[in-house]
Amino acid sequence: QVQLVESGGGLVQPGGSLRLSCAASGSIFSINAVGWYRQAPGKQRELVASISSGGTRNIADSVKGRFTISRDNAKNMVYLQMNSLKPEDTAVYYCHADRILMYGGTTYRDYWGQGTQVTVSS
């Protein structure tokens, strides 16, 4: 069994910062690309940032220069550092893994966490 658990969300004032963490647990051998997505009320889920197993990053234009994605493969952790937050960044943020390979050979594809709420408001 594998789990993706997000943490670090909360309420922050405009211009503030938050660091989201995504922890993958289980007997994990490797994880391919991991992405952070967000979904605001009444809107479609959108990709915010992604990072490959080798460290190649893709950042949405709407957050470029403000958000940074990183990962620690040894700890099966992925992070999203969010700076200069704006009210329009308010959303539920989800961690997503393209493929998770477990010891023993089980493969999980298109795997999502439960999400963490980020609210940017004064």
C-alpha atoms as a PDB file:
ATOM      1  CA  GLN A   1       0.000   0.000   0.000  1.00  0.00           C
ATOM      2  CA  VAL A   2       1.202   3.522  -0.738  1.00  0.00           C
ATOM      3  CA  GLN A   3       0.053   6.896   0.497  1.00  0.00           C
ATOM      4  CA  LEU A   4       0.717  10.452  -0.578  1.00  0.00           C
ATOM      5  CA  VAL A   5       0.101  12.867   2.281  1.00  0.00           C
ATOM      6  CA  GLU A   6       0.240  16.613   1.847  1.00  0.00           C
ATOM      7  CA  SER A   7       0.905  19.031   4.683  1.00  0.00           C
ATOM      8  CA  GLY A   8       1.824  22.653   5.238  1.00  0.00           C
ATOM      9  CA  GLY A   9      -1.326  24.382   4.048  1.00  0.00           C
ATOM     10  CA  GLY A  10      -3.110  27.056   5.993  1.00  0.00           C
ATOM     11  CA  LEU A  11      -4.179  30.675   6.090  1.00  0.00           C
ATOM     12  CA  VAL A  12      -1.628  33.288   5.066  1.00  0.00           C
ATOM     13  CA  GLN A  13      -1.783  36.980   4.273  1.00  0.00           C
ATOM     14  CA  PRO A  14      -1.089  38.268   0.762  1.00  0.00           C
ATOM     15  CA  GLY A  15       2.636  38.507   0.207  1.00  0.00           C
ATOM     16  CA  GLY A  16       3.322  35.726   2.675  1.00  0.00           C
ATOM     17  CA  SER A  17       4.917  32.326   2.208  1.00  0.00           C
ATOM     18  CA  LEU A  18       4.058  28.704   2.779  1.00  0.00           C
ATOM     19  CA  ARG A  19       5.934  25.486   2.214  1.00  0.00           C
ATOM     20  CA  LEU A  20       3.898  22.462   1.232  1.00  0.00           C
ATOM     21  CA  SER A  21       5.236  18.970   1.735  1.00  0.00           C
ATOM     22  CA  CYS A  22       4.174  15.720   0.107  1.00  0.00           C
ATOM     23  CA  ALA A  23       5.260  12.558   1.857  1.00  0.00           C
ATOM     24  CA  ALA A  24       5.072   9.228   0.079  1.00  0.00           C
ATOM     25  CA  SER A  25       4.918   6.264   2.428  1.00  0.00           C
ATOM     26  CA  GLY A  26       5.154   2.537   1.872  1.00  0.00           C
ATOM     27  CA  SER A  27       7.764   0.137   0.525  1.00  0.00           C
ATOM     28  CA  ILE A  28       8.656   2.444  -2.332  1.00  0.00           C
ATOM     29  CA  PHE A  29      11.395   1.599  -4.776  1.00  0.00           C
ATOM     30  CA  SER A  30      11.074   4.650  -7.005  1.00  0.00           C
ATOM     31  CA  ILE A  31       8.764   7.480  -7.971  1.00  0.00           C
ATOM     32  CA  ASN A  32       8.678   9.033 -11.413  1.00  0.00           C
ATOM     33  CA  ALA A  33       7.501  12.586 -12.019  1.00  0.00           C
ATOM     34  CA  VAL A  34       5.640  14.284  -9.188  1.00  0.00           C
ATOM     35  CA  GLY A  35       3.455  17.323  -9.547  1.00  0.00           C
ATOM     36  CA  TRP A  36       1.587  19.812  -7.453  1.00  0.00           C
ATOM     37  CA  TYR A  37      -1.883  20.651  -8.723  1.00  0.00           C
ATOM     38  CA  ARG A  38      -4.462  23.008  -7.337  1.00  0.00           C
ATOM     39  CA  GLN A  39      -8.182  23.405  -7.581  1.00  0.00           C
ATOM     40  CA  ALA A  40     -10.030  26.548  -6.619  1.00  0.00           C
ATOM     41  CA  PRO A  41     -13.794  26.528  -6.007  1.00  0.00           C
ATOM     42  CA  GLY A  42     -15.680  26.366  -9.303  1.00  0.00           C
ATOM     43  CA  LYS A  43     -12.504  25.898 -11.322  1.00  0.00           C
ATOM     44  CA  GLN A  44     -10.750  22.966 -12.944  1.00  0.00           C
ATOM     45  CA  ARG A  45      -7.748  21.374 -11.352  1.00  0.00           C
ATOM     46  CA  GLU A  46      -4.573  22.831 -12.825  1.00  0.00           C
ATOM     47  CA  LEU A  47      -0.910  21.923 -12.780  1.00  0.00           C
ATOM     48  CA  VAL A  48       1.176  24.276 -10.665  1.00  0.00           C
ATOM     49  CA  ALA A  49       4.585  22.634 -10.874  1.00  0.00           C
ATOM     50  CA  SER A  50       6.140  19.277 -11.588  1.00  0.00           C
ATOM     51  CA  ILE A  51       9.526  17.670 -11.166  1.00  0.00           C
ATOM     52  CA  SER A  52      10.919  14.543 -12.775  1.00  0.00           C
ATOM     53  CA  SER A  53      12.889  11.877 -10.951  1.00  0.00           C
ATOM     54  CA  GLY A  54      16.017  13.467 -12.404  1.00  0.00           C
ATOM     55  CA  GLY A  55      15.100  16.952 -11.223  1.00  0.00           C
ATOM     56  CA  THR A  56      13.731  18.539 -14.392  1.00  0.00           C
ATOM     57  CA  ARG A  57      11.179  21.149 -13.377  1.00  0.00           C
ATOM     58  CA  ASN A  58       8.101  22.555 -15.047  1.00  0.00           C
ATOM     59  CA  ILE A  59       6.463  25.619 -13.494  1.00  0.00           C
ATOM     60  CA  ALA A  60       3.154  27.169 -14.509  1.00  0.00           C
ATOM     61  CA  ASP A  61       3.430  30.709 -15.834  1.00  0.00           C
ATOM     62  CA  SER A  62       0.995  31.945 -13.186  1.00  0.00           C
ATOM     63  CA  VAL A  63       3.419  31.058 -10.382  1.00  0.00           C
ATOM     64  CA  LYS A  64       6.776  31.345 -12.125  1.00  0.00           C
ATOM     65  CA  GLY A  65       9.217  33.335 -10.061  1.00  0.00           C
ATOM     66  CA  ARG A  66       7.159  32.837  -6.903  1.00  0.00           C
ATOM     67  CA  PHE A  67       6.880  29.053  -6.452  1.00  0.00           C
ATOM     68  CA  THR A  68       9.671  26.495  -6.377  1.00  0.00           C
ATOM     69  CA  ILE A  69       9.347  22.725  -6.496  1.00  0.00           C
ATOM     70  CA  SER A  70      11.953  20.354  -5.111  1.00  0.00           C
ATOM     71  CA  ARG A  71      12.245  16.738  -4.084  1.00  0.00           C
ATOM     72  CA  ASP A  72      14.278  14.507  -1.809  1.00  0.00           C
ATOM     73  CA  ASN A  73      14.327  11.080  -3.436  1.00  0.00           C
ATOM     74  CA  ALA A  74      15.993   9.434  -0.447  1.00  0.00           C
ATOM     75  CA  LYS A  75      13.116  10.513   1.787  1.00  0.00           C
ATOM     76  CA  ASN A  76      10.358  10.189  -0.834  1.00  0.00           C
ATOM     77  CA  MET A  77       9.429  13.798  -0.225  1.00  0.00           C
ATOM     78  CA  VAL A  78       8.379  16.588  -2.585  1.00  0.00           C
ATOM     79  CA  TYR A  79       8.099  20.226  -1.585  1.00  0.00           C
ATOM     80  CA  LEU A  80       6.432  23.325  -2.951  1.00  0.00           C
ATOM     81  CA  GLN A  81       7.840  26.591  -1.661  1.00  0.00           C
ATOM     82  CA  MET A  82       5.311  29.334  -2.259  1.00  0.00           C
ATOM     83  CA  ASN A  83       6.381  32.951  -1.878  1.00  0.00           C
ATOM     84  CA  SER A  84       4.645  36.259  -2.579  1.00  0.00           C
ATOM     85  CA  LEU A  85       1.288  34.554  -2.271  1.00  0.00           C
ATOM     86  CA  LYS A  86      -1.753  36.192  -3.821  1.00  0.00           C
ATOM     87  CA  PRO A  87      -5.457  35.740  -3.090  1.00  0.00           C
ATOM     88  CA  GLU A  88      -5.786  33.990  -6.447  1.00  0.00           C
ATOM     89  CA  ASP A  89      -3.470  31.259  -5.157  1.00  0.00           C
ATOM     90  CA  THR A  90      -6.244  30.175  -2.805  1.00  0.00           C
ATOM     91  CA  ALA A  91      -7.097  26.556  -3.589  1.00  0.00           C
ATOM     92  CA  VAL A  92      -6.780  22.980  -2.459  1.00  0.00           C
ATOM     93  CA  TYR A  93      -3.306  21.803  -3.403  1.00  0.00           C
ATOM     94  CA  TYR A  94      -2.817  18.180  -4.410  1.00  0.00           C
ATOM     95  CA  CYS A  95       0.274  16.051  -4.796  1.00  0.00           C
ATOM     96  CA  HIS A  96       0.295  13.698  -7.771  1.00  0.00           C
ATOM     97  CA  ALA A  97       2.701  10.952  -8.818  1.00  0.00           C
ATOM     98  CA  ASP A  98       2.824   9.628 -12.366  1.00  0.00           C
ATOM     99  CA  ARG A  99       4.138   6.241 -11.314  1.00  0.00           C
ATOM    100  CA  ILE A 100       5.186   4.703  -8.033  1.00  0.00           C
ATOM    101  CA  LEU A 101       7.097   1.442  -8.159  1.00  0.00           C
ATOM    102  CA  MET A 102       7.046  -0.630  -4.978  1.00  0.00           C
ATOM    103  CA  TYR A 103       9.473  -3.240  -3.786  1.00  0.00           C
ATOM    104  CA  GLY A 104       7.884  -6.485  -4.923  1.00  0.00           C
ATOM    105  CA  GLY A 105       6.892  -5.031  -8.278  1.00  0.00           C
ATOM    106  CA  THR A 106       3.511  -3.432  -7.621  1.00  0.00           C
ATOM    107  CA  THR A 107       3.085  -0.256  -9.658  1.00  0.00           C
ATOM    108  CA  TYR A 108       0.721   2.590  -8.872  1.00  0.00           C
ATOM    109  CA  ARG A 109      -0.065   5.015 -11.692  1.00  0.00           C
ATOM    110  CA  ASP A 110      -1.725   8.420 -11.627  1.00  0.00           C
ATOM    111  CA  TYR A 111      -1.735   8.530  -7.826  1.00  0.00           C
ATOM    112  CA  TRP A 112      -3.194  11.453  -5.869  1.00  0.00           C
ATOM    113  CA  GLY A 113      -2.971  12.701  -2.334  1.00  0.00           C
ATOM    114  CA  GLN A 114      -5.981  14.011  -0.414  1.00  0.00           C
ATOM    115  CA  GLY A 115      -5.021  17.660  -0.715  1.00  0.00           C
ATOM    116  CA  THR A 116      -4.230  20.527   1.618  1.00  0.00           C
ATOM    117  CA  GLN A 117      -6.089  23.838   1.745  1.00  0.00           C
ATOM    118  CA  VAL A 118      -4.214  27.063   1.080  1.00  0.00           C
ATOM    119  CA  THR A 119      -6.071  30.292   1.767  1.00  0.00           C
ATOM    120  CA  VAL A 120      -4.518  33.650   0.997  1.00  0.00           C
ATOM    121  CA  SER A 121      -6.491  36.436   2.600  1.00  0.00           C
ATOM    122  CA  SER A 122      -6.052  39.504   4.742  1.00  0.00           C
END
